[in-house]
N, C-alpha and C. Protein backbone atom coordinates (compact mmCIF):
# COMPACT_ATOMS: atom_id res chain seq x y z
N MET A 1 -32.83 12.03 -2.50
CA MET A 1 -31.78 12.63 -3.29
C MET A 1 -30.45 12.42 -2.57
N ILE A 2 -29.44 12.05 -3.33
CA ILE A 2 -28.12 11.83 -2.77
C ILE A 2 -27.40 13.18 -2.65
N LEU A 3 -26.85 13.46 -1.48
CA LEU A 3 -26.08 14.68 -1.29
C LEU A 3 -24.64 14.44 -1.70
N ILE A 4 -24.07 15.39 -2.41
CA ILE A 4 -22.68 15.30 -2.85
C ILE A 4 -21.87 16.26 -2.00
N GLU A 5 -20.82 15.77 -1.40
CA GLU A 5 -19.99 16.60 -0.54
C GLU A 5 -18.91 17.30 -1.36
N VAL A 6 -18.54 18.48 -0.90
CA VAL A 6 -17.50 19.28 -1.55
C VAL A 6 -16.18 18.51 -1.54
N ASN A 7 -15.44 18.62 -2.63
CA ASN A 7 -14.12 17.99 -2.80
C ASN A 7 -14.16 16.46 -2.84
N GLN A 8 -15.29 15.89 -3.19
CA GLN A 8 -15.44 14.46 -3.35
C GLN A 8 -15.76 14.17 -4.82
N PRO A 9 -15.35 13.01 -5.32
CA PRO A 9 -15.67 12.68 -6.72
C PRO A 9 -17.18 12.62 -6.94
N ALA A 10 -17.60 13.05 -8.10
CA ALA A 10 -19.02 12.99 -8.46
C ALA A 10 -19.42 11.53 -8.65
N PRO A 11 -20.64 11.17 -8.26
CA PRO A 11 -21.10 9.80 -8.50
C PRO A 11 -21.32 9.58 -10.01
N ASP A 12 -21.16 8.36 -10.44
CA ASP A 12 -21.36 8.05 -11.85
C ASP A 12 -22.85 8.18 -12.18
N PHE A 13 -23.14 8.70 -13.36
CA PHE A 13 -24.52 8.78 -13.83
C PHE A 13 -24.51 8.63 -15.34
N THR A 14 -25.66 8.29 -15.90
CA THR A 14 -25.79 8.11 -17.34
C THR A 14 -26.97 8.94 -17.84
N LEU A 15 -26.75 9.66 -18.92
CA LEU A 15 -27.79 10.45 -19.58
C LEU A 15 -27.72 10.15 -21.07
N GLU A 16 -28.75 10.55 -21.79
CA GLU A 16 -28.75 10.37 -23.23
C GLU A 16 -28.24 11.62 -23.91
N ASP A 17 -27.46 11.44 -25.00
CA ASP A 17 -27.03 12.58 -25.79
C ASP A 17 -28.16 12.98 -26.74
N VAL A 18 -27.92 13.96 -27.59
CA VAL A 18 -28.98 14.45 -28.48
C VAL A 18 -29.45 13.40 -29.48
N SER A 19 -28.65 12.36 -29.69
CA SER A 19 -29.03 11.28 -30.61
C SER A 19 -29.68 10.10 -29.90
N GLY A 20 -29.83 10.20 -28.57
CA GLY A 20 -30.45 9.13 -27.80
C GLY A 20 -29.48 8.06 -27.33
N ASN A 21 -28.19 8.27 -27.54
CA ASN A 21 -27.18 7.31 -27.10
C ASN A 21 -26.81 7.56 -25.64
N PRO A 22 -26.66 6.50 -24.84
CA PRO A 22 -26.29 6.69 -23.44
C PRO A 22 -24.84 7.15 -23.29
N VAL A 23 -24.63 8.11 -22.41
CA VAL A 23 -23.30 8.64 -22.12
C VAL A 23 -23.15 8.66 -20.60
N SER A 24 -22.11 8.01 -20.10
CA SER A 24 -21.87 7.95 -18.66
C SER A 24 -20.70 8.84 -18.28
N LEU A 25 -20.77 9.39 -17.08
CA LEU A 25 -19.67 10.20 -16.57
C LEU A 25 -18.38 9.39 -16.53
N SER A 26 -18.49 8.11 -16.20
CA SER A 26 -17.30 7.26 -16.08
C SER A 26 -16.55 7.10 -17.41
N GLN A 27 -17.20 7.38 -18.53
CA GLN A 27 -16.53 7.31 -19.83
C GLN A 27 -15.43 8.37 -19.94
N PHE A 28 -15.51 9.41 -19.14
CA PHE A 28 -14.58 10.53 -19.24
C PHE A 28 -13.56 10.54 -18.11
N LYS A 29 -13.47 9.44 -17.35
CA LYS A 29 -12.54 9.38 -16.24
C LYS A 29 -11.11 9.57 -16.74
N GLY A 30 -10.36 10.43 -16.05
CA GLY A 30 -8.98 10.70 -16.42
C GLY A 30 -8.83 11.86 -17.39
N GLU A 31 -9.94 12.38 -17.91
CA GLU A 31 -9.89 13.53 -18.81
C GLU A 31 -10.33 14.77 -18.04
N LYS A 32 -9.97 15.93 -18.56
CA LYS A 32 -10.47 17.16 -17.97
C LYS A 32 -11.89 17.38 -18.46
N ASN A 33 -12.79 17.66 -17.54
CA ASN A 33 -14.21 17.79 -17.88
C ASN A 33 -14.78 19.10 -17.35
N VAL A 34 -15.84 19.51 -18.00
CA VAL A 34 -16.64 20.64 -17.53
C VAL A 34 -18.08 20.19 -17.57
N ILE A 35 -18.77 20.34 -16.44
CA ILE A 35 -20.20 20.01 -16.39
C ILE A 35 -20.97 21.30 -16.25
N LEU A 36 -21.89 21.54 -17.17
CA LEU A 36 -22.72 22.72 -17.13
C LEU A 36 -24.10 22.34 -16.61
N ILE A 37 -24.56 23.07 -15.62
CA ILE A 37 -25.90 22.83 -15.08
C ILE A 37 -26.71 24.07 -15.38
N LEU A 38 -27.76 23.89 -16.16
CA LEU A 38 -28.59 25.01 -16.57
C LEU A 38 -29.90 24.98 -15.79
N ASN A 39 -30.22 26.08 -15.16
CA ASN A 39 -31.44 26.21 -14.40
C ASN A 39 -32.49 26.85 -15.30
N ARG A 40 -33.65 26.24 -15.38
CA ARG A 40 -34.70 26.77 -16.25
C ARG A 40 -35.35 28.02 -15.66
N GLY A 41 -34.97 28.38 -14.48
CA GLY A 41 -35.53 29.57 -13.86
C GLY A 41 -36.62 29.23 -12.87
N PHE A 42 -37.15 30.24 -12.30
CA PHE A 42 -38.20 30.06 -11.30
C PHE A 42 -39.55 30.26 -11.92
N VAL A 43 -40.50 29.46 -11.50
CA VAL A 43 -41.86 29.56 -12.05
C VAL A 43 -42.74 30.24 -11.04
């Protein structure tokens, strides 16, 4: 796993949207963004 340091740019990554289309973080460069990370909880 790659460690991300505080105050450094996030590495580019690609995920699929709800329609199955690829979306990359780099597509939003220069825009204000919010990334939500949802934890499914502890098992």
